[in-house]
N, C-alpha and C. Protein backbone atom coordinates (compact mmCIF):
# COMPACT_ATOMS: atom_id res chain seq x y z
N MET A 1 1.11 -1.27 -0.32
CA MET A 1 0.01 -0.11 0.13
C MET A 1 1.06 1.15 0.21
N ASP A 2 0.63 1.78 -0.96
CA ASP A 2 1.39 3.44 -1.16
C ASP A 2 1.19 4.43 0.26
N MET A 3 2.04 5.21 0.32
CA MET A 3 1.84 6.26 1.24
C MET A 3 0.68 7.02 1.23
N ILE A 4 0.13 7.78 0.24
CA ILE A 4 -1.20 8.43 -0.34
C ILE A 4 -1.98 7.48 0.06
N THR A 5 -2.61 5.91 -0.14
CA THR A 5 -3.54 5.34 0.56
C THR A 5 -3.52 5.14 1.82
N ILE A 6 -2.38 5.48 2.63
CA ILE A 6 -2.26 5.57 3.86
C ILE A 6 -2.42 6.66 4.55
N PHE A 7 -1.96 7.74 3.90
CA PHE A 7 -3.23 8.88 4.49
C PHE A 7 -4.24 8.92 4.66
N ALA A 8 -4.82 8.64 2.75
CA ALA A 8 -5.97 8.44 2.86
C ALA A 8 -7.08 7.94 3.97
N VAL A 9 -6.51 6.53 4.18
CA VAL A 9 -7.03 5.50 4.95
C VAL A 9 -6.74 6.40 6.54
N ALA A 10 -5.97 7.36 6.69
CA ALA A 10 -5.93 7.58 8.38
C ALA A 10 -6.85 8.64 8.33
N PHE A 11 -7.05 9.62 6.82
CA PHE A 11 -7.60 10.99 6.67
C PHE A 11 -9.38 10.29 7.30
N GLY A 12 -9.80 9.21 6.43
CA GLY A 12 -10.98 8.62 6.75
C GLY A 12 -11.32 8.17 8.50
N LEU A 13 -10.16 7.39 8.74
CA LEU A 13 -10.68 6.87 10.01
C LEU A 13 -10.29 8.17 10.98
N ALA A 14 -9.82 9.30 10.61
CA ALA A 14 -9.92 10.13 11.97
C ALA A 14 -11.09 11.26 11.57
N MET A 15 -12.17 11.24 10.82
CA MET A 15 -13.11 12.02 10.94
C MET A 15 -14.13 11.58 11.92
N ASP A 16 -14.34 10.42 12.53
CA ASP A 16 -15.22 10.29 13.63
C ASP A 16 -14.56 11.44 15.01
N ALA A 17 -13.36 11.00 14.65
CA ALA A 17 -12.49 11.43 16.05
C ALA A 17 -13.00 13.52 15.75
N PHE A 18 -12.42 13.66 14.51
CA PHE A 18 -12.26 15.17 14.14
C PHE A 18 -14.07 15.53 14.34
N ALA A 19 -14.68 14.82 14.29
CA ALA A 19 -16.25 15.52 14.63
C ALA A 19 -16.68 15.71 15.55
N VAL A 20 -16.51 14.56 16.95
CA VAL A 20 -16.10 14.44 18.14
C VAL A 20 -15.80 15.76 18.51
N SER A 21 -14.47 15.94 18.29
CA SER A 21 -13.49 17.02 18.46
C SER A 21 -14.28 18.40 18.04
N ILE A 22 -14.77 18.80 16.93
CA ILE A 22 -15.76 20.10 16.87
C ILE A 22 -16.83 19.80 17.83
N THR A 23 -17.55 19.26 18.33
CA THR A 23 -18.65 18.79 18.89
C THR A 23 -17.88 19.35 20.11
N SER A 24 -16.67 18.85 20.92
CA SER A 24 -16.36 19.10 22.07
C SER A 24 -15.92 20.83 21.94
N GLY A 25 -15.41 21.12 20.49
CA GLY A 25 -15.22 22.75 20.93
C GLY A 25 -16.39 23.64 20.97
N THR A 26 -17.30 22.72 20.49
CA THR A 26 -18.62 24.02 20.76
C THR A 26 -18.90 23.73 21.86
N ARG A 27 -18.61 22.79 22.88
CA ARG A 27 -18.97 22.67 24.43
C ARG A 27 -17.81 23.70 25.37
N ILE A 28 -16.91 23.99 24.75
CA ILE A 28 -16.38 24.69 25.73
C ILE A 28 -16.07 26.00 25.82
N LYS A 29 -16.49 26.60 26.55
CA LYS A 29 -16.70 28.36 26.20
C LYS A 29 -15.40 29.05 25.96
N ARG A 30 -14.60 29.04 27.01
CA ARG A 30 -13.04 29.62 26.49
C ARG A 30 -12.35 28.37 26.48
N PRO A 31 -11.85 27.93 24.81
CA PRO A 31 -10.91 26.98 24.52
C PRO A 31 -9.50 27.17 24.99
N LYS A 32 -8.51 26.07 25.52
CA LYS A 32 -7.20 26.50 25.67
C LYS A 32 -6.67 25.40 25.03
N ILE A 33 -5.51 25.58 24.61
CA ILE A 33 -4.50 24.86 23.85
C ILE A 33 -3.96 23.52 24.70
N ASN A 34 -4.28 23.52 26.37
CA ASN A 34 -4.30 22.37 26.79
C ASN A 34 -5.46 21.75 26.64
N ASN A 35 -6.67 22.21 26.58
CA ASN A 35 -7.83 21.13 26.32
C ASN A 35 -7.65 20.69 24.27
N ALA A 36 -7.42 21.22 23.66
CA ALA A 36 -7.17 20.48 22.55
C ALA A 36 -6.11 19.43 22.62
N LEU A 37 -4.91 19.90 23.33
CA LEU A 37 -3.91 18.92 23.19
C LEU A 37 -4.53 17.32 24.04
N LYS A 38 -5.13 18.04 25.18
CA LYS A 38 -5.66 16.39 25.89
C LYS A 38 -6.88 15.38 25.13
N ILE A 39 -7.71 16.44 24.24
CA ILE A 39 -8.23 15.82 23.40
C ILE A 39 -7.73 15.27 22.17
N ALA A 40 -6.77 15.68 21.33
CA ALA A 40 -5.71 15.16 20.63
C ALA A 40 -5.61 14.04 21.08
N ILE A 41 -4.42 13.92 22.10
CA ILE A 41 -3.65 12.92 22.50
C ILE A 41 -4.31 11.31 22.89
N PHE A 42 -5.66 11.49 23.78
CA PHE A 42 -6.70 10.88 23.51
C PHE A 42 -6.74 9.91 22.46
N PHE A 43 -7.67 10.71 21.27
CA PHE A 43 -7.87 10.24 19.97
C PHE A 43 -6.84 9.41 19.42
N GLY A 44 -5.71 10.47 19.37
CA GLY A 44 -4.31 9.85 18.15
C GLY A 44 -4.11 8.62 18.88
N LEU A 45 -3.36 8.36 20.45
CA LEU A 45 -3.55 7.28 20.91
C LEU A 45 -4.20 6.20 20.93
N PHE A 46 -5.37 6.19 20.93
CA PHE A 46 -6.43 5.51 21.04
C PHE A 46 -6.63 4.75 19.74
N GLN A 47 -6.68 5.32 18.31
CA GLN A 47 -6.87 5.22 17.40
C GLN A 47 -5.75 4.57 16.91
N ALA A 48 -4.46 5.15 16.84
CA ALA A 48 -3.45 4.15 16.72
C ALA A 48 -3.18 2.37 17.53
N GLY A 49 -3.39 2.71 18.53
CA GLY A 49 -3.59 1.61 19.06
C GLY A 49 -4.66 0.24 18.86
N MET A 50 -5.71 0.72 18.31
CA MET A 50 -6.50 -0.05 17.69
C MET A 50 -5.98 -0.72 16.43
N LEU A 51 -5.44 0.35 15.63
CA LEU A 51 -5.16 -0.26 14.26
C LEU A 51 -4.24 -1.44 14.81
N LEU A 52 -3.26 -1.09 16.20
CA LEU A 52 -2.36 -2.14 15.92
C LEU A 52 -2.93 -3.51 16.41
N ILE A 53 -3.86 -3.25 17.29
CA ILE A 53 -4.63 -4.84 18.26
C ILE A 53 -4.99 -5.26 16.92
N GLY A 54 -6.03 -4.30 15.80
CA GLY A 54 -6.47 -5.21 15.12
C GLY A 54 -5.73 -6.03 13.78
N TRP A 55 -4.58 -5.06 13.58
CA TRP A 55 -3.61 -5.92 12.58
C TRP A 55 -2.97 -6.92 13.28
N LEU A 56 -2.75 -7.00 14.77
CA LEU A 56 -2.23 -8.20 15.10
C LEU A 56 -3.04 -9.58 15.37
N ALA A 57 -4.50 -9.13 15.50
CA ALA A 57 -5.53 -9.77 15.53
C ALA A 57 -5.73 -10.57 13.82
N GLY A 58 -5.62 -9.48 13.29
CA GLY A 58 -5.69 -10.34 11.72
C GLY A 58 -4.46 -11.03 11.33
N TYR A 59 -3.34 -10.67 11.69
CA TYR A 59 -2.02 -11.33 11.54
C TYR A 59 -1.97 -12.45 11.54
N SER A 60 -3.06 -12.83 12.61
CA SER A 60 -3.02 -14.30 13.29
C SER A 60 -3.73 -15.20 12.69
N LEU A 61 -4.63 -14.63 11.94
CA LEU A 61 -5.61 -15.35 10.94
C LEU A 61 -5.01 -15.22 9.08
N LYS A 62 -3.85 -14.66 9.31
CA LYS A 62 -3.36 -14.40 7.81
C LYS A 62 -3.21 -15.82 7.20
N ASP A 63 -3.16 -16.99 7.65
CA ASP A 63 -2.72 -18.03 6.80
C ASP A 63 -3.71 -18.70 6.61
N PHE A 64 -5.07 -18.67 7.22
CA PHE A 64 -6.27 -18.95 7.16
C PHE A 64 -6.98 -18.43 6.14
N ILE A 65 -6.84 -17.15 5.76
CA ILE A 65 -7.91 -16.02 5.12
C ILE A 65 -6.86 -16.08 3.91
N THR A 66 -6.15 -16.23 3.40
CA THR A 66 -4.90 -15.60 2.39
C THR A 66 -5.50 -15.51 0.57
N GLY A 67 -6.32 -16.81 0.71
CA GLY A 67 -7.14 -16.59 -0.83
C GLY A 67 -7.79 -14.93 -1.19
N SER A 68 -8.54 -14.53 0.03
CA SER A 68 -9.71 -14.05 0.15
C SER A 68 -9.45 -12.65 0.76
N ASP A 69 -8.07 -12.21 1.01
CA ASP A 69 -7.68 -11.32 1.62
C ASP A 69 -8.22 -9.77 1.20
N HIS A 70 -8.02 -9.83 -0.26
CA HIS A 70 -8.70 -8.60 -0.45
C HIS A 70 -10.40 -8.34 -0.45
N TRP A 71 -10.86 -9.57 -0.43
CA TRP A 71 -12.61 -9.33 -0.33
C TRP A 71 -12.56 -8.89 1.40
N ILE A 72 -11.88 -9.44 1.86
CA ILE A 72 -11.95 -9.21 3.34
C ILE A 72 -11.57 -7.85 3.81
N ALA A 73 -10.25 -7.26 3.31
CA ALA A 73 -9.98 -5.48 3.13
C ALA A 73 -11.45 -4.75 2.54
N PHE A 74 -12.03 -5.26 1.52
CA PHE A 74 -12.89 -4.37 0.76
C PHE A 74 -14.13 -4.52 1.92
N GLY A 75 -14.65 -5.34 1.96
CA GLY A 75 -15.56 -5.25 3.04
C GLY A 75 -15.77 -4.67 4.28
N LEU A 76 -14.46 -5.25 4.93
CA LEU A 76 -14.23 -4.20 6.14
C LEU A 76 -14.27 -2.81 5.91
N LEU A 77 -13.71 -2.42 4.67
CA LEU A 77 -13.64 -0.73 4.91
C LEU A 77 -14.69 -0.23 4.22
N SER A 78 -15.47 -0.93 3.58
CA SER A 78 -16.79 -0.77 2.76
C SER A 78 -17.69 -0.91 4.25
N LEU A 79 -17.83 -1.96 5.01
CA LEU A 79 -18.82 -1.79 6.00
C LEU A 79 -18.64 -0.52 6.89
N VAL A 80 -16.79 -0.33 7.34
CA VAL A 80 -17.04 0.59 8.43
C VAL A 80 -17.53 2.08 7.64
N GLY A 81 -17.05 2.17 6.06
CA GLY A 81 -17.28 3.77 5.51
C GLY A 81 -19.04 3.77 5.74
N CYS A 82 -19.54 2.69 5.32
CA CYS A 82 -21.24 2.66 5.50
C CYS A 82 -22.03 3.08 6.87
N LYS A 83 -20.99 2.38 7.68
CA LYS A 83 -21.37 2.52 9.24
C LYS A 83 -21.62 4.13 9.42
N MET A 84 -20.39 4.94 9.23
CA MET A 84 -20.01 6.22 9.26
C MET A 84 -21.17 7.12 9.05
N ILE A 85 -21.26 6.63 7.15
CA ILE A 85 -22.25 7.26 6.53
C ILE A 85 -23.86 6.90 7.40
N TYR A 86 -24.00 5.92 7.75
CA TYR A 86 -25.56 5.74 8.29
C TYR A 86 -25.62 6.43 9.63
N GLU A 87 -24.61 6.06 10.55
CA GLU A 87 -24.24 6.62 12.16
C GLU A 87 -24.56 8.97 11.88
N SER A 88 -23.88 9.31 10.80
CA SER A 88 -24.14 10.50 10.64
C SER A 88 -25.38 10.93 10.23
N VAL A 89 -25.88 10.06 9.62
CA VAL A 89 -27.24 10.51 9.03
C VAL A 89 -28.54 10.51 10.21
N LYS A 90 -28.61 9.10 10.55
CA LYS A 90 -29.38 9.05 11.63
C LYS A 90 -29.32 9.47 13.19
N THR A 91 -28.06 9.25 13.66
CA THR A 91 -27.87 9.82 14.94
C THR A 91 -28.71 11.21 15.33
N GLU A 92 -29.45 11.40 16.06
CA GLU A 92 -29.70 12.52 16.62
C GLU A 92 -28.49 13.27 18.03
N PRO A 93 -28.08 14.60 17.58
CA PRO A 93 -27.52 15.35 18.42
C PRO A 93 -27.98 14.79 20.30
N SER A 94 -27.16 14.60 20.56
CA SER A 94 -27.22 14.46 22.31
C SER A 94 -27.86 15.40 22.94
N LYS A 95 -28.82 15.29 23.64
CA LYS A 95 -29.44 16.40 24.48
C LYS A 95 -28.54 16.95 25.91
N LYS A 96 -27.85 15.15 26.49
CA LYS A 96 -27.48 15.61 27.35
C LYS A 96 -26.15 16.18 27.34
N GLU A 97 -25.71 17.51 28.16
CA GLU A 97 -24.70 18.12 28.03
C GLU A 97 -23.61 17.53 28.96
N THR A 98 -22.46 16.90 27.88
CA THR A 98 -21.09 16.52 29.12
C THR A 98 -20.08 16.67 29.11
N ASN A 99 -19.33 16.72 29.87
CA ASN A 99 -17.83 17.53 29.92
C ASN A 99 -17.20 16.44 28.85
N PRO A 100 -16.31 17.24 27.26
CA PRO A 100 -15.85 16.49 27.08
C PRO A 100 -14.36 16.36 27.47
N LEU A 101 -14.10 17.14 28.36
CA LEU A 101 -12.58 16.99 29.10
C LEU A 101 -12.78 15.79 30.38
N ASN A 102 -13.26 15.37 30.42
CA ASN A 102 -13.53 14.50 31.55
C ASN A 102 -12.98 13.19 31.01
N VAL A 103 -11.98 12.90 32.35
CA VAL A 103 -10.79 11.33 31.62
C VAL A 103 -12.40 10.42 31.22
N TYR A 104 -13.01 10.07 31.93
CA TYR A 104 -13.97 9.12 31.59
C TYR A 104 -14.99 9.51 30.41
N VAL A 105 -15.36 10.52 30.45
CA VAL A 105 -15.92 10.64 29.01
C VAL A 105 -14.81 10.56 27.95
N LEU A 106 -13.48 10.81 28.11
CA LEU A 106 -12.44 11.26 26.98
C LEU A 106 -12.24 9.70 26.40
N LEU A 107 -12.36 9.02 27.69
CA LEU A 107 -12.00 6.94 27.25
C LEU A 107 -13.07 6.63 26.77
N ILE A 108 -14.28 6.82 26.75
CA ILE A 108 -15.29 6.16 25.92
C ILE A 108 -15.70 6.88 24.75
N LEU A 109 -15.27 8.36 24.64
CA LEU A 109 -15.44 8.95 22.76
C LEU A 109 -14.24 8.20 22.40
N SER A 110 -12.75 7.94 22.91
CA SER A 110 -11.67 7.30 22.68
C SER A 110 -12.07 6.05 22.19
N VAL A 111 -12.32 5.30 22.92
CA VAL A 111 -12.92 3.81 22.17
C VAL A 111 -14.00 3.88 21.04
N ALA A 112 -14.89 4.88 20.95
CA ALA A 112 -15.91 5.03 20.31
C ALA A 112 -15.61 5.01 19.27
N THR A 113 -14.75 6.06 19.07
CA THR A 113 -13.90 6.64 17.76
C THR A 113 -13.01 5.52 17.12
N SER A 114 -12.26 4.79 17.84
CA SER A 114 -11.37 4.11 16.87
C SER A 114 -11.68 2.68 17.28
N ILE A 115 -12.86 2.37 17.39
CA ILE A 115 -13.38 0.86 16.94
C ILE A 115 -13.23 0.35 15.27
N ASP A 116 -13.63 1.79 14.51
CA ASP A 116 -13.25 1.55 12.94
C ASP A 116 -11.65 1.37 12.75
N ALA A 117 -11.13 2.05 13.46
CA ALA A 117 -9.45 1.83 13.25
C ALA A 117 -9.41 -0.06 13.56
N LEU A 118 -9.72 -0.62 14.54
CA LEU A 118 -9.68 -2.07 14.78
C LEU A 118 -9.73 -2.67 13.66
N ALA A 119 -11.23 -3.01 13.14
CA ALA A 119 -11.75 -3.21 11.98
C ALA A 119 -10.77 -3.25 10.95
N VAL A 120 -10.39 -1.90 10.30
CA VAL A 120 -9.19 -1.61 9.40
C VAL A 120 -8.16 -2.18 9.91
N GLY A 121 -7.32 -2.20 10.73
CA GLY A 121 -6.32 -2.93 11.22
C GLY A 121 -5.97 -4.65 10.98
N VAL A 122 -7.43 -4.96 11.20
CA VAL A 122 -7.84 -6.13 10.79
C VAL A 122 -7.46 -6.43 9.40
N GLY A 123 -7.96 -5.55 8.21
CA GLY A 123 -8.07 -5.89 7.16
C GLY A 123 -6.62 -5.25 6.45
N PHE A 124 -5.67 -4.65 7.04
CA PHE A 124 -4.70 -4.34 6.94
C PHE A 124 -3.16 -5.18 7.09
N ALA A 125 -3.84 -6.65 7.99
CA ALA A 125 -2.97 -7.70 7.89
C ALA A 125 -3.36 -8.48 6.64
N PHE A 126 -3.93 -8.45 5.59
CA PHE A 126 -4.12 -9.27 4.69
C PHE A 126 -3.37 -8.32 3.38
N LEU A 127 -2.95 -7.51 3.85
CA LEU A 127 -2.14 -6.47 2.54
C LEU A 127 -1.00 -6.17 2.76
N LYS A 128 -0.28 -5.55 2.04
CA LYS A 128 1.35 -5.49 2.00
C LYS A 128 1.43 -3.90 2.23
N VAL A 129 1.64 -3.64 3.87
CA VAL A 129 1.30 -2.57 4.10
C VAL A 129 2.37 -2.71 5.24
N LEU A 130 2.91 -1.40 5.60
CA LEU A 130 4.23 -1.13 6.45
C LEU A 130 3.37 -0.45 7.65
N ILE A 131 2.48 -1.87 8.74
CA ILE A 131 1.97 -1.43 9.81
C ILE A 131 2.65 -0.24 10.82
N VAL A 132 3.76 -0.20 11.50
CA VAL A 132 4.51 0.66 11.93
C VAL A 132 4.18 2.34 11.36
N VAL A 133 4.78 2.33 9.99
CA VAL A 133 4.29 3.64 9.14
C VAL A 133 2.91 3.80 9.39
N SER A 134 2.23 2.83 9.28
CA SER A 134 0.99 3.24 9.27
C SER A 134 0.06 3.55 10.47
N ILE A 135 0.71 2.93 11.75
CA ILE A 135 0.34 3.41 13.00
C ILE A 135 0.75 5.17 13.44
N ILE A 136 1.82 5.29 12.79
CA ILE A 136 2.17 6.34 12.92
C ILE A 136 1.73 7.32 12.62
N VAL A 137 1.26 7.14 11.08
CA VAL A 137 0.28 8.14 10.31
C VAL A 137 -0.90 8.17 10.47
N VAL A 138 -1.44 7.23 11.19
CA VAL A 138 -3.19 7.52 11.45
C VAL A 138 -2.84 8.45 12.79
N GLY A 139 -2.13 8.00 13.74
CA GLY A 139 -2.15 8.32 14.89
C GLY A 139 -1.79 9.77 15.03
N ALA A 140 -0.99 10.42 14.21
CA ALA A 140 -0.52 11.89 13.99
C ALA A 140 -1.32 12.48 13.28
N VAL A 141 -2.30 11.69 12.39
CA VAL A 141 -3.18 12.60 11.58
C VAL A 141 -4.94 12.81 12.44
N THR A 142 -4.86 11.81 12.99
CA THR A 142 -5.85 11.48 13.95
C THR A 142 -5.51 13.17 15.06
N PHE A 143 -4.61 12.76 15.45
CA PHE A 143 -3.99 13.97 16.89
C PHE A 143 -4.26 15.53 15.86
N LEU A 144 -3.81 15.47 14.80
CA LEU A 144 -3.56 17.06 14.08
C LEU A 144 -5.14 17.24 14.08
N LEU A 145 -6.13 16.24 13.17
CA LEU A 145 -7.41 16.50 12.75
C LEU A 145 -7.61 16.66 14.16
N SER A 146 -8.03 16.55 15.51
CA SER A 146 -8.60 16.01 16.80
C SER A 146 -7.78 17.94 17.23
N PHE A 147 -7.06 17.89 16.92
CA PHE A 147 -6.65 19.34 17.81
C PHE A 147 -7.07 20.52 16.79
N LEU A 148 -7.18 20.70 15.66
CA LEU A 148 -7.87 21.48 14.68
C LEU A 148 -8.90 21.33 15.15
N GLY A 149 -9.80 20.45 15.26
CA GLY A 149 -11.33 20.51 15.32
C GLY A 149 -11.64 20.96 16.66
N PHE A 150 -11.16 20.66 17.53
CA PHE A 150 -11.65 21.37 18.78
C PHE A 150 -11.55 22.81 18.52
N PHE A 151 -10.81 23.75 17.70
CA PHE A 151 -10.93 25.15 17.72
C PHE A 151 -11.76 25.31 16.99
N ALA A 152 -12.00 24.70 15.46
CA ALA A 152 -12.86 24.58 14.45
C ALA A 152 -14.36 24.68 15.50
N GLY A 153 -14.56 23.90 15.78
CA GLY A 153 -16.09 23.73 16.52
C GLY A 153 -16.23 24.95 17.30
N ASN A 154 -15.37 25.14 18.23
CA ASN A 154 -15.58 26.71 19.34
C ASN A 154 -15.95 27.35 18.03
N ARG A 155 -15.04 27.84 16.80
CA ARG A 155 -15.75 28.71 16.30
C ARG A 155 -16.92 28.46 14.79
N PHE A 156 -17.15 27.62 14.60
CA PHE A 156 -17.72 27.23 13.25
C PHE A 156 -18.70 25.84 13.06
N GLY A 157 -18.48 25.57 14.62
CA GLY A 157 -19.47 24.03 14.83
C GLY A 157 -20.71 23.81 14.51
N HIS A 158 -21.42 24.98 14.66
CA HIS A 158 -22.54 24.72 14.03
C HIS A 158 -22.95 24.55 12.27
N LEU A 159 -21.81 25.26 11.89
CA LEU A 159 -22.00 24.66 10.21
C LEU A 159 -21.75 23.42 9.74
N PHE A 160 -20.84 22.56 10.43
CA PHE A 160 -20.31 21.29 9.99
C PHE A 160 -21.67 20.21 10.10
N LYS A 161 -21.66 20.31 11.29
CA LYS A 161 -22.88 19.06 11.80
C LYS A 161 -22.23 17.90 11.46
N ASN A 162 -22.66 16.83 10.76
CA ASN A 162 -22.63 15.61 10.48
C ASN A 162 -21.89 15.30 9.11
N LYS A 163 -21.68 16.34 8.21
CA LYS A 163 -20.98 16.30 7.05
C LYS A 163 -19.73 15.52 7.09
N ILE A 164 -18.98 15.86 8.13
CA ILE A 164 -17.33 15.41 8.12
C ILE A 164 -17.53 13.95 8.00
N GLU A 165 -18.45 13.21 9.02
CA GLU A 165 -18.23 11.67 9.15
C GLU A 165 -18.75 11.16 7.75
N ILE A 166 -19.81 11.83 7.04
CA ILE A 166 -20.05 11.33 5.36
C ILE A 166 -19.23 11.26 4.78
N VAL A 167 -18.00 12.11 4.92
CA VAL A 167 -16.60 12.61 3.83
C VAL A 167 -15.50 11.23 4.05
N GLY A 168 -15.89 11.10 5.45
CA GLY A 168 -14.54 10.18 5.88
C GLY A 168 -15.32 8.58 5.53
N GLY A 169 -16.62 8.38 5.59
CA GLY A 169 -16.82 7.04 5.15
C GLY A 169 -16.67 6.82 3.64
N LEU A 170 -17.32 7.68 2.82
CA LEU A 170 -16.87 7.70 1.61
C LEU A 170 -15.82 7.33 0.93
N ILE A 171 -14.65 8.05 2.02
CA ILE A 171 -13.46 7.84 1.65
C ILE A 171 -12.88 6.15 1.61
N LEU A 172 -13.42 5.85 3.38
CA LEU A 172 -13.08 4.56 3.15
C LEU A 172 -13.88 3.46 2.28
N ILE A 173 -14.84 4.03 1.89
CA ILE A 173 -15.36 3.26 0.81
C ILE A 173 -14.76 2.70 -0.38
N VAL A 174 -14.35 4.26 -1.10
CA VAL A 174 -13.53 4.11 -2.03
C VAL A 174 -11.95 3.03 -1.97
N ILE A 175 -11.56 3.36 -0.80
CA ILE A 175 -10.43 2.68 -0.85
C ILE A 175 -10.58 1.64 -0.83
N GLY A 176 -11.82 0.84 -0.39
CA GLY A 176 -11.99 -0.65 -0.26
C GLY A 176 -12.05 -1.00 -1.64
N ILE A 177 -13.03 -0.03 -2.28
CA ILE A 177 -12.81 -0.44 -4.07
C ILE A 177 -11.62 -0.51 -4.83
N LYS A 178 -10.87 0.27 -3.94
CA LYS A 178 -9.19 0.15 -5.19
C LYS A 178 -8.87 -0.64 -4.88
N ILE A 179 -8.49 -1.57 -3.77
CA ILE A 179 -7.85 -2.65 -3.12
C ILE A 179 -8.81 -3.73 -3.71
N LEU A 180 -9.72 -3.61 -3.64
CA LEU A 180 -10.38 -5.04 -4.94
C LEU A 180 -10.24 -5.51 -6.08
N VAL A 181 -10.35 -3.76 -6.57
CA VAL A 181 -9.65 -3.83 -8.02
C VAL A 181 -8.23 -4.06 -8.62
N GLU A 182 -7.56 -3.61 -7.68
CA GLU A 182 -6.14 -3.79 -7.87
C GLU A 182 -6.00 -5.26 -7.71
N HIS A 183 -6.86 -6.12 -6.89
CA HIS A 183 -6.22 -7.54 -6.41
C HIS A 183 -6.98 -8.31 -7.78
N LEU A 184 -8.23 -7.88 -8.25
CA LEU A 184 -9.03 -8.65 -9.59
C LEU A 184 -8.42 -8.30 -10.70
N VAL A 185 -7.79 -7.07 -10.85
CA VAL A 185 -7.29 -6.93 -12.17
C VAL A 185 -5.83 -7.49 -12.31
């Protein structure tokens, strides 16, 4: 997998965290760099960690599934992409106000936004991908987008709504199709 594709996957995976960071930014009256760093570190580390866990799980199954690995990668990326699109359209905004800087809330949000990375990590195990590079890129892109998303949410959060997750879902579906086509042609 080339670097452009790895960055595209990272961007697609980071959209959940970016959207949550925007929402978090809308809830904080006086945003500080420390607030943005806290959110970005949680999201970046969890996204990278879940990618690694998924890759390790998939790698242990690699010998059993080698003949259909491209279908599995396509299926997982498409499933995650469709799930992101569905949730962005269906989910209603929470009426309960929570503190996005609370450690327990951040843990829950970090796990929730990185489940997709777990599934993608499983798919990566069946592809020729530099996993260490992928983990670093996914973690760094998620960190950066979460950091920027926090401040963007504070200023412009009302404009974004759920459109960010739709874009991320579409990116993952397109990458899944690309992987499938490359292996079938």
